[in-house]
Amino acid sequence: MEKDCGKSGPGKHENHDCDEAITNLYLFLDNEMNEDEALDIAKHIGDCSSCGDAYHFEDHLRRVIREKLCEEVSDEMMDRIKQAIHKR
């Protein structure tokens, strides 16, 4: 059963607090942490429903953005972009 950090204390859960987990969330998502730190964050995210929700939201948002960046830009849109750049 998932634990909510709010129930186990003000922003604290196990060895990791929520503020630190959220602060380091982008480093975690980008795989820019050492293995021990990443394991601590992963455990906290798995145990804390509010931090887990934040992780899942950010992870989903990144996937949507990545998918949209891969879509082809229409010729019409490219022309509009080029015109806007030339005007500046």
Protein backbone atom coordinates (compact mmCIF):
# COMPACT_ATOMS: atom_id res chain seq x y z
CA MET A 1 0.00 0.00 0.00
CA GLU A 2 1.34 3.44 -0.92
CA LYS A 3 2.09 5.86 1.84
CA ASP A 4 1.38 9.56 1.53
CA CYS A 5 4.15 11.77 2.91
CA GLY A 6 1.59 14.00 4.56
CA LYS A 7 0.55 11.09 6.76
CA SER A 8 4.06 10.18 7.90
CA GLY A 9 5.10 13.70 8.84
CA PRO A 10 5.38 17.18 7.34
CA GLY A 11 7.23 16.54 4.09
CA LYS A 12 9.22 13.58 5.44
CA HIS A 13 9.17 9.92 4.49
CA GLU A 14 11.76 7.28 5.24
CA ASN A 15 15.29 8.65 4.62
CA HIS A 16 14.31 11.18 2.00
CA ASP A 17 12.18 14.25 2.32
CA CYS A 18 9.69 15.37 -0.30
CA ASP A 19 11.34 18.75 -0.88
CA GLU A 20 14.62 17.08 -1.77
CA ALA A 21 12.89 14.50 -3.99
CA ILE A 22 10.99 17.17 -5.93
CA THR A 23 14.06 19.43 -6.16
CA ASN A 24 16.06 16.58 -7.68
CA LEU A 25 13.26 15.21 -9.84
CA TYR A 26 14.68 16.60 -13.10
CA LEU A 27 18.15 15.25 -12.33
CA PHE A 28 16.51 11.88 -11.70
CA LEU A 29 14.49 12.01 -14.92
CA ASP A 30 17.64 13.00 -16.87
CA ASN A 31 19.74 10.23 -15.28
CA GLU A 32 22.15 12.85 -13.95
CA MET A 33 22.50 11.49 -10.40
CA ASN A 34 24.86 8.98 -8.92
CA GLU A 35 23.44 5.50 -8.44
CA ASP A 36 22.89 5.80 -4.68
CA GLU A 37 21.02 9.10 -4.99
CA ALA A 38 18.91 7.72 -7.83
CA LEU A 39 18.02 4.65 -5.78
CA ASP A 40 16.98 6.86 -2.84
CA ILE A 41 14.79 9.02 -5.08
CA ALA A 42 13.28 5.96 -6.80
CA LYS A 43 12.42 4.41 -3.43
CA HIS A 44 10.90 7.64 -2.19
CA ILE A 45 8.85 8.06 -5.38
CA GLY A 46 7.61 4.48 -5.03
CA ASP A 47 6.63 4.95 -1.39
CA CYS A 48 5.22 8.49 -1.52
CA SER A 49 2.03 8.97 -3.49
CA SER A 50 2.35 12.75 -3.85
CA CYS A 51 5.96 12.60 -5.10
CA GLY A 52 5.05 9.61 -7.26
CA ASP A 53 2.25 11.64 -8.84
CA ALA A 54 4.68 14.49 -9.57
CA TYR A 55 7.15 12.05 -11.11
CA HIS A 56 4.52 10.43 -13.34
CA PHE A 57 3.19 13.82 -14.46
CA GLU A 58 6.65 15.13 -15.40
CA ASP A 59 7.62 11.86 -17.09
CA HIS A 60 4.40 11.87 -19.15
CA LEU A 61 4.83 15.56 -20.04
CA ARG A 62 8.36 14.90 -21.29
CA ARG A 63 7.13 12.02 -23.46
CA VAL A 64 4.37 14.16 -25.00
CA ILE A 65 6.81 16.99 -25.73
CA ARG A 66 9.32 14.57 -27.26
CA GLU A 67 6.61 13.09 -29.50
CA LYS A 68 5.44 16.52 -30.62
CA LEU A 69 8.99 17.60 -31.43
CA CYS A 70 9.28 14.69 -33.83
CA GLU A 71 6.24 15.72 -35.86
CA GLU A 72 6.80 17.23 -39.29
CA VAL A 73 6.29 20.96 -39.66
CA SER A 74 4.12 21.94 -42.63
CA ASP A 75 5.59 24.01 -45.45
CA GLU A 76 3.12 26.77 -44.61
CA MET A 77 4.33 26.89 -41.01
CA MET A 78 7.98 26.91 -42.13
CA ASP A 79 7.26 29.85 -44.44
CA ARG A 80 5.59 31.76 -41.59
CA ILE A 81 8.57 31.07 -39.31
CA LYS A 82 11.05 32.20 -41.98
CA GLN A 83 9.06 35.39 -42.59
CA ALA A 84 8.97 36.17 -38.88
CA ILE A 85 12.74 35.67 -38.61
CA HIS A 86 13.46 37.89 -41.63
CA LYS A 87 11.26 40.67 -40.21
CA ARG A 88 13.44 40.83 -37.11
